[in-house]
């Protein structure tokens, strides 16, 4: 079983930055991908970005140019650097581990952007 834990959320003013962390542990495969998603109140969970094990990245248009997904020196920690945050970025942010035919979700971290 794989455990996924997000951290780094908080309250920030519009235009500010936050760096979210996603740490995976447990029975992880040697190669896996990480995705970041968010869910705002009353809305469906929304895909934001993905980091493949080979280093390739992909971003949803809403965050392209503002958010960056990258892996730290510890392979089991993936970050989401969020710049120029907007009130509409307010949501619970989730990390998803994708390895082989399985996947695991974290419990999320709240990001609130004030205007």
C-alpha atoms as a PDB file:
ATOM      1  CA  UNK A   1       0.000   0.000   0.000  1.00  0.00           C
ATOM      2  CA  UNK A   2       1.155   3.523  -0.811  1.00  0.00           C
ATOM      3  CA  UNK A   3       0.630   6.482   1.479  1.00  0.00           C
ATOM      4  CA  UNK A   4       0.368   9.987   0.074  1.00  0.00           C
ATOM      5  CA  UNK A   5       0.591  13.090   2.252  1.00  0.00           C
ATOM      6  CA  UNK A   6       0.187  16.664   1.049  1.00  0.00           C
ATOM      7  CA  UNK A   7       1.391  19.703   2.963  1.00  0.00           C
ATOM      8  CA  UNK A   8       2.181  23.364   2.483  1.00  0.00           C
ATOM      9  CA  UNK A   9      -1.273  24.819   2.075  1.00  0.00           C
ATOM     10  CA  UNK A  10      -2.412  27.973   3.795  1.00  0.00           C
ATOM     11  CA  UNK A  11      -3.805  31.462   3.407  1.00  0.00           C
ATOM     12  CA  UNK A  12      -2.129  33.822   0.949  1.00  0.00           C
ATOM     13  CA  UNK A  13      -3.020  37.119  -0.661  1.00  0.00           C
ATOM     14  CA  UNK A  14      -3.803  37.436  -4.332  1.00  0.00           C
ATOM     15  CA  UNK A  15      -0.551  37.552  -6.300  1.00  0.00           C
ATOM     16  CA  UNK A  16       1.320  35.583  -3.674  1.00  0.00           C
ATOM     17  CA  UNK A  17       3.004  32.183  -3.831  1.00  0.00           C
ATOM     18  CA  UNK A  18       2.820  28.845  -2.092  1.00  0.00           C
ATOM     19  CA  UNK A  19       4.813  25.651  -2.443  1.00  0.00           C
ATOM     20  CA  UNK A  20       2.926  22.427  -1.851  1.00  0.00           C
ATOM     21  CA  UNK A  21       4.631  19.144  -1.053  1.00  0.00           C
ATOM     22  CA  UNK A  22       3.535  15.615  -1.816  1.00  0.00           C
ATOM     23  CA  UNK A  23       5.356  12.841  -0.014  1.00  0.00           C
ATOM     24  CA  UNK A  24       4.778   9.219  -0.926  1.00  0.00           C
ATOM     25  CA  UNK A  25       5.813   6.265   1.180  1.00  0.00           C
ATOM     26  CA  UNK A  26       5.112   2.594   1.568  1.00  0.00           C
ATOM     27  CA  UNK A  27       5.168   0.067  -1.240  1.00  0.00           C
ATOM     28  CA  UNK A  28       5.947   2.465  -4.057  1.00  0.00           C
ATOM     29  CA  UNK A  29       7.173   1.196  -7.388  1.00  0.00           C
ATOM     30  CA  UNK A  30      10.620   2.240  -8.593  1.00  0.00           C
ATOM     31  CA  UNK A  31       8.932   4.247 -11.361  1.00  0.00           C
ATOM     32  CA  UNK A  32       5.752   6.195 -10.828  1.00  0.00           C
ATOM     33  CA  UNK A  33       4.005   9.399 -11.791  1.00  0.00           C
ATOM     34  CA  UNK A  34       2.540  12.123  -9.601  1.00  0.00           C
ATOM     35  CA  UNK A  35      -0.440  14.283 -10.376  1.00  0.00           C
ATOM     36  CA  UNK A  36      -1.813  17.362  -8.645  1.00  0.00           C
ATOM     37  CA  UNK A  37      -5.535  18.102  -8.564  1.00  0.00           C
ATOM     38  CA  UNK A  38      -7.799  20.509  -6.718  1.00  0.00           C
ATOM     39  CA  UNK A  39     -11.405  20.704  -5.703  1.00  0.00           C
ATOM     40  CA  UNK A  40     -13.181  23.934  -4.927  1.00  0.00           C
ATOM     41  CA  UNK A  41     -16.422  23.981  -2.911  1.00  0.00           C
ATOM     42  CA  UNK A  42     -19.348  22.849  -5.023  1.00  0.00           C
ATOM     43  CA  UNK A  43     -17.127  21.860  -7.944  1.00  0.00           C
ATOM     44  CA  UNK A  44     -15.696  18.635  -9.278  1.00  0.00           C
ATOM     45  CA  UNK A  45     -12.090  17.652  -8.726  1.00  0.00           C
ATOM     46  CA  UNK A  46      -9.936  19.323 -11.365  1.00  0.00           C
ATOM     47  CA  UNK A  47      -6.689  18.070 -12.891  1.00  0.00           C
ATOM     48  CA  UNK A  48      -3.795  20.546 -12.675  1.00  0.00           C
ATOM     49  CA  UNK A  49      -0.466  18.962 -13.526  1.00  0.00           C
ATOM     50  CA  UNK A  50       1.410  15.712 -13.874  1.00  0.00           C
ATOM     51  CA  UNK A  51       5.037  14.698 -13.518  1.00  0.00           C
ATOM     52  CA  UNK A  52       6.037  11.485 -15.233  1.00  0.00           C
ATOM     53  CA  UNK A  53       8.842   9.392 -13.841  1.00  0.00           C
ATOM     54  CA  UNK A  54      10.955  10.241 -16.915  1.00  0.00           C
ATOM     55  CA  UNK A  55      10.747  13.926 -16.020  1.00  0.00           C
ATOM     56  CA  UNK A  56       8.124  15.027 -18.500  1.00  0.00           C
ATOM     57  CA  UNK A  57       5.493  17.427 -17.229  1.00  0.00           C
ATOM     58  CA  UNK A  58       2.037  18.472 -18.332  1.00  0.00           C
ATOM     59  CA  UNK A  59      -0.159  21.322 -17.135  1.00  0.00           C
ATOM     60  CA  UNK A  60      -3.788  22.273 -17.400  1.00  0.00           C
ATOM     61  CA  UNK A  61      -4.270  25.578 -19.204  1.00  0.00           C
ATOM     62  CA  UNK A  62      -5.663  27.294 -16.097  1.00  0.00           C
ATOM     63  CA  UNK A  63      -2.326  26.979 -14.304  1.00  0.00           C
ATOM     64  CA  UNK A  64       0.178  26.839 -17.141  1.00  0.00           C
ATOM     65  CA  UNK A  65       2.883  29.458 -16.622  1.00  0.00           C
ATOM     66  CA  UNK A  66       1.960  29.981 -12.958  1.00  0.00           C
ATOM     67  CA  UNK A  67       2.386  26.511 -11.436  1.00  0.00           C
ATOM     68  CA  UNK A  68       5.432  24.270 -11.656  1.00  0.00           C
ATOM     69  CA  UNK A  69       5.569  20.594 -10.716  1.00  0.00           C
ATOM     70  CA  UNK A  70       8.966  19.144  -9.898  1.00  0.00           C
ATOM     71  CA  UNK A  71      10.648  16.414  -7.899  1.00  0.00           C
ATOM     72  CA  UNK A  72      12.934  17.229  -5.016  1.00  0.00           C
ATOM     73  CA  UNK A  73      16.293  15.693  -4.200  1.00  0.00           C
ATOM     74  CA  UNK A  74      14.303  13.072  -2.314  1.00  0.00           C
ATOM     75  CA  UNK A  75      12.652  11.155  -5.142  1.00  0.00           C
ATOM     76  CA  UNK A  76       9.633  10.484  -2.958  1.00  0.00           C
ATOM     77  CA  UNK A  77       8.749  14.164  -2.592  1.00  0.00           C
ATOM     78  CA  UNK A  78       7.132  16.102  -5.425  1.00  0.00           C
ATOM     79  CA  UNK A  79       6.389  19.786  -5.192  1.00  0.00           C
ATOM     80  CA  UNK A  80       3.886  22.129  -6.757  1.00  0.00           C
ATOM     81  CA  UNK A  81       5.210  25.688  -6.832  1.00  0.00           C
ATOM     82  CA  UNK A  82       2.305  28.066  -7.247  1.00  0.00           C
ATOM     83  CA  UNK A  83       2.946  31.689  -8.213  1.00  0.00           C
ATOM     84  CA  UNK A  84       0.681  34.627  -8.947  1.00  0.00           C
ATOM     85  CA  UNK A  85      -2.148  33.003  -7.048  1.00  0.00           C
ATOM     86  CA  UNK A  86      -5.687  34.195  -7.660  1.00  0.00           C
ATOM     87  CA  UNK A  87      -8.838  33.948  -5.526  1.00  0.00           C
ATOM     88  CA  UNK A  88     -10.184  31.362  -7.977  1.00  0.00           C
ATOM     89  CA  UNK A  89      -7.256  29.112  -7.024  1.00  0.00           C
ATOM     90  CA  UNK A  90      -8.879  28.615  -3.618  1.00  0.00           C
ATOM     91  CA  UNK A  91      -9.487  24.895  -3.185  1.00  0.00           C
ATOM     92  CA  UNK A  92      -8.335  21.729  -1.488  1.00  0.00           C
ATOM     93  CA  UNK A  93      -5.277  20.487  -3.359  1.00  0.00           C
ATOM     94  CA  UNK A  94      -4.724  16.755  -3.756  1.00  0.00           C
ATOM     95  CA  UNK A  95      -1.790  14.669  -4.836  1.00  0.00           C
ATOM     96  CA  UNK A  96      -2.218  11.389  -6.692  1.00  0.00           C
ATOM     97  CA  UNK A  97       0.358   8.633  -6.960  1.00  0.00           C
ATOM     98  CA  UNK A  98       0.131   6.582 -10.147  1.00  0.00           C
ATOM     99  CA  UNK A  99       2.223   3.439 -10.308  1.00  0.00           C
ATOM    100  CA  UNK A 100       1.631   0.495 -12.606  1.00  0.00           C
ATOM    101  CA  UNK A 101      -2.077  -0.272 -12.525  1.00  0.00           C
ATOM    102  CA  UNK A 102      -2.637   1.293  -9.148  1.00  0.00           C
ATOM    103  CA  UNK A 103      -3.060   4.748  -7.714  1.00  0.00           C
ATOM    104  CA  UNK A 104      -3.416   6.402  -4.316  1.00  0.00           C
ATOM    105  CA  UNK A 105      -4.755   9.770  -3.202  1.00  0.00           C
ATOM    106  CA  UNK A 106      -3.747  11.947  -0.321  1.00  0.00           C
ATOM    107  CA  UNK A 107      -6.230  13.704   1.943  1.00  0.00           C
ATOM    108  CA  UNK A 108      -5.484  17.124   0.543  1.00  0.00           C
ATOM    109  CA  UNK A 109      -4.252  20.476   1.789  1.00  0.00           C
ATOM    110  CA  UNK A 110      -6.333  23.648   1.841  1.00  0.00           C
ATOM    111  CA  UNK A 111      -5.217  26.665  -0.162  1.00  0.00           C
ATOM    112  CA  UNK A 112      -7.074  29.923   0.353  1.00  0.00           C
ATOM    113  CA  UNK A 113      -6.292  33.009  -1.702  1.00  0.00           C
ATOM    114  CA  UNK A 114      -7.731  36.284  -0.474  1.00  0.00           C
ATOM    115  CA  UNK A 115      -8.486  39.182  -2.779  1.00  0.00           C
END
